[in-house]
Amino acid sequence: MPKLTKYGYIILGDGYQAEQHRATISSAHFSSSIICGKTIRDAILIAKQMVHDGIEVIELCGEFGQSGAFQIVNAINCKVPVGYVSFVSYEHDKLTDFLSRD
C-alpha cells in the first residue's frame, strides 16, 4: 500500500506573503510544506504549485471553511485530497468568544 510522503498545509492571514512565509520540515521518509497567503486567490496559486511539486494531500487552516476548501478543490481539479481544519461545537464556541473580544 502506498504511503503518504509529501504533505502540504496552507494558512491564510493578514500580512502573509507566500514567497516569504513558508517552511518545509523533512525527515528521511516524510516532508511537510507549510505556506501562508493573504487571500483565497493566493491560496489557489499555492495549492496549484503544491500539486505541481508533488504534494500528495493538502490541508487548509480553519479560515477557509467549507466554501474556501471547495474553491481550492475546484481550482486544482481534484488532483489531490483537500481537507480543512474545523472545531467541534463546544470548542468553536470558545473560538467565537475569543475572536469577539476587543
C-alpha atoms as a PDB file:
ATOM      1  CA  MET A   1       0.000   0.000   0.000  1.00  0.00           C
ATOM      2  CA  PRO A   2       1.408   3.466  -0.915  1.00  0.00           C
ATOM      3  CA  LYS A   3       2.473   5.720   1.935  1.00  0.00           C
ATOM      4  CA  LEU A   4       1.982   9.453   2.169  1.00  0.00           C
ATOM      5  CA  THR A   5       5.352  11.176   1.840  1.00  0.00           C
ATOM      6  CA  LYS A   6       4.552  14.784   0.888  1.00  0.00           C
ATOM      7  CA  TYR A   7       2.053  16.862   2.862  1.00  0.00           C
ATOM      8  CA  GLY A   8       1.016  20.473   2.327  1.00  0.00           C
ATOM      9  CA  TYR A   9      -0.650  22.918   4.716  1.00  0.00           C
ATOM     10  CA  ILE A  10      -1.924  26.352   3.681  1.00  0.00           C
ATOM     11  CA  ILE A  11      -2.596  29.122   6.199  1.00  0.00           C
ATOM     12  CA  LEU A  12      -4.442  32.386   5.458  1.00  0.00           C
ATOM     13  CA  GLY A  13      -3.737  35.543   7.441  1.00  0.00           C
ATOM     14  CA  ASP A  14      -3.313  39.281   7.094  1.00  0.00           C
ATOM     15  CA  GLY A  15       0.148  40.297   6.005  1.00  0.00           C
ATOM     16  CA  TYR A  16       1.313  36.873   4.860  1.00  0.00           C
ATOM     17  CA  GLN A  17       3.231  36.633   1.591  1.00  0.00           C
ATOM     18  CA  ALA A  18       3.763  33.168   0.139  1.00  0.00           C
ATOM     19  CA  GLU A  19       7.275  33.935  -1.092  1.00  0.00           C
ATOM     20  CA  GLN A  20       8.375  34.898   2.418  1.00  0.00           C
ATOM     21  CA  HIS A  21       6.133  32.990   4.844  1.00  0.00           C
ATOM     22  CA  ARG A  22       6.855  29.326   4.246  1.00  0.00           C
ATOM     23  CA  ALA A  23       8.625  26.391   5.818  1.00  0.00           C
ATOM     24  CA  THR A  24       9.469  22.836   4.898  1.00  0.00           C
ATOM     25  CA  ILE A  25      10.073  20.226   7.553  1.00  0.00           C
ATOM     26  CA  SER A  26      11.552  16.988   6.272  1.00  0.00           C
ATOM     27  CA  SER A  27      12.772  13.636   7.503  1.00  0.00           C
ATOM     28  CA  ALA A  28      14.176  10.752   5.513  1.00  0.00           C
ATOM     29  CA  HIS A  29      10.618   9.491   4.936  1.00  0.00           C
ATOM     30  CA  PHE A  30       8.236  12.460   5.094  1.00  0.00           C
ATOM     31  CA  SER A  31       8.092  16.117   4.080  1.00  0.00           C
ATOM     32  CA  SER A  32       5.652  18.812   5.238  1.00  0.00           C
ATOM     33  CA  SER A  33       5.369  22.107   3.376  1.00  0.00           C
ATOM     34  CA  ILE A  34       3.623  24.967   5.167  1.00  0.00           C
ATOM     35  CA  ILE A  35       2.909  28.032   3.069  1.00  0.00           C
ATOM     36  CA  CYS A  36       0.987  31.138   4.085  1.00  0.00           C
ATOM     37  CA  GLY A  37      -1.034  33.542   1.957  1.00  0.00           C
ATOM     38  CA  LYS A  38      -3.216  36.576   2.473  1.00  0.00           C
ATOM     39  CA  THR A  39      -6.184  35.795   0.201  1.00  0.00           C
ATOM     40  CA  ILE A  40      -8.039  32.861  -1.298  1.00  0.00           C
ATOM     41  CA  ARG A  41      -6.509  33.876  -4.623  1.00  0.00           C
ATOM     42  CA  ASP A  42      -3.043  33.445  -3.079  1.00  0.00           C
ATOM     43  CA  ALA A  43      -4.104  30.067  -1.690  1.00  0.00           C
ATOM     44  CA  ILE A  44      -5.243  28.859  -5.109  1.00  0.00           C
ATOM     45  CA  LEU A  45      -1.839  29.678  -6.574  1.00  0.00           C
ATOM     46  CA  ILE A  46      -0.121  27.991  -3.611  1.00  0.00           C
ATOM     47  CA  ALA A  47      -2.272  24.857  -3.979  1.00  0.00           C
ATOM     48  CA  LYS A  48      -1.593  24.621  -7.705  1.00  0.00           C
ATOM     49  CA  GLN A  49       2.146  24.910  -7.062  1.00  0.00           C
ATOM     50  CA  MET A  50       1.935  22.278  -4.316  1.00  0.00           C
ATOM     51  CA  VAL A  51       0.281  19.841  -6.727  1.00  0.00           C
ATOM     52  CA  HIS A  52       2.927  20.623  -9.348  1.00  0.00           C
ATOM     53  CA  ASP A  53       5.635  19.974  -6.722  1.00  0.00           C
ATOM     54  CA  GLY A  54       4.237  16.535  -5.908  1.00  0.00           C
ATOM     55  CA  ILE A  55       2.340  17.251  -2.682  1.00  0.00           C
ATOM     56  CA  GLU A  56       0.011  14.275  -2.126  1.00  0.00           C
ATOM     57  CA  VAL A  57      -2.532  15.798   0.268  1.00  0.00           C
ATOM     58  CA  ILE A  58      -3.368  19.397   1.185  1.00  0.00           C
ATOM     59  CA  GLU A  59      -4.905  20.642   4.408  1.00  0.00           C
ATOM     60  CA  LEU A  60      -6.202  24.144   4.913  1.00  0.00           C
ATOM     61  CA  CYS A  61      -6.458  26.273   8.047  1.00  0.00           C
ATOM     62  CA  GLY A  62      -9.902  26.885   9.521  1.00  0.00           C
ATOM     63  CA  GLU A  63     -10.156  30.320   7.902  1.00  0.00           C
ATOM     64  CA  PHE A  64     -11.059  28.600   4.625  1.00  0.00           C
ATOM     65  CA  GLY A  65     -14.169  26.853   5.883  1.00  0.00           C
ATOM     66  CA  GLN A  66     -16.107  24.597   3.576  1.00  0.00           C
ATOM     67  CA  SER A  67     -16.608  27.191   0.834  1.00  0.00           C
ATOM     68  CA  GLY A  68     -12.920  28.077   0.668  1.00  0.00           C
ATOM     69  CA  ALA A  69     -11.988  24.398   0.604  1.00  0.00           C
ATOM     70  CA  PHE A  70     -14.351  23.852  -2.331  1.00  0.00           C
ATOM     71  CA  GLN A  71     -12.673  26.719  -4.190  1.00  0.00           C
ATOM     72  CA  ILE A  72      -9.291  25.066  -3.733  1.00  0.00           C
ATOM     73  CA  VAL A  73     -10.607  21.636  -4.775  1.00  0.00           C
ATOM     74  CA  ASN A  74     -12.129  23.119  -7.919  1.00  0.00           C
ATOM     75  CA  ALA A  75      -9.013  25.131  -8.741  1.00  0.00           C
ATOM     76  CA  ILE A  76      -6.741  22.081  -8.639  1.00  0.00           C
ATOM     77  CA  ASN A  77      -9.271  19.876 -10.455  1.00  0.00           C
ATOM     78  CA  CYS A  78      -9.473  17.412  -7.536  1.00  0.00           C
ATOM     79  CA  LYS A  79      -5.948  16.128  -8.261  1.00  0.00           C
ATOM     80  CA  VAL A  80      -5.135  15.519  -4.566  1.00  0.00           C
ATOM     81  CA  PRO A  81      -7.306  15.220  -1.448  1.00  0.00           C
ATOM     82  CA  VAL A  82      -8.025  18.535   0.294  1.00  0.00           C
ATOM     83  CA  GLY A  83      -9.207  18.914   3.875  1.00  0.00           C
ATOM     84  CA  TYR A  84      -9.658  21.815   6.252  1.00  0.00           C
ATOM     85  CA  VAL A  85      -9.428  22.366   9.985  1.00  0.00           C
ATOM     86  CA  SER A  86     -12.671  22.660  11.924  1.00  0.00           C
ATOM     87  CA  PHE A  87     -13.616  22.755  15.589  1.00  0.00           C
ATOM     88  CA  VAL A  88     -16.108  20.632  17.492  1.00  0.00           C
ATOM     89  CA  SER A  89     -19.093  22.749  18.539  1.00  0.00           C
ATOM     90  CA  TYR A  90     -18.067  23.452  22.146  1.00  0.00           C
ATOM     91  CA  GLU A  91     -14.554  24.443  21.065  1.00  0.00           C
ATOM     92  CA  HIS A  92     -15.979  26.579  18.270  1.00  0.00           C
ATOM     93  CA  ASP A  93     -17.940  28.491  20.926  1.00  0.00           C
ATOM     94  CA  LYS A  94     -14.646  29.273  22.713  1.00  0.00           C
ATOM     95  CA  LEU A  95     -13.092  30.419  19.459  1.00  0.00           C
ATOM     96  CA  THR A  96     -16.048  32.650  18.642  1.00  0.00           C
ATOM     97  CA  ASP A  97     -15.884  34.150  22.129  1.00  0.00           C
ATOM     98  CA  PHE A  98     -12.149  34.803  21.800  1.00  0.00           C
ATOM     99  CA  LEU A  99     -12.480  36.418  18.367  1.00  0.00           C
ATOM    100  CA  SER A 100     -15.279  38.714  19.560  1.00  0.00           C
ATOM    101  CA  ARG A 101     -13.098  40.322  22.258  1.00  0.00           C
ATOM    102  CA  ASP A 102     -11.713  43.804  21.680  1.00  0.00           C
END
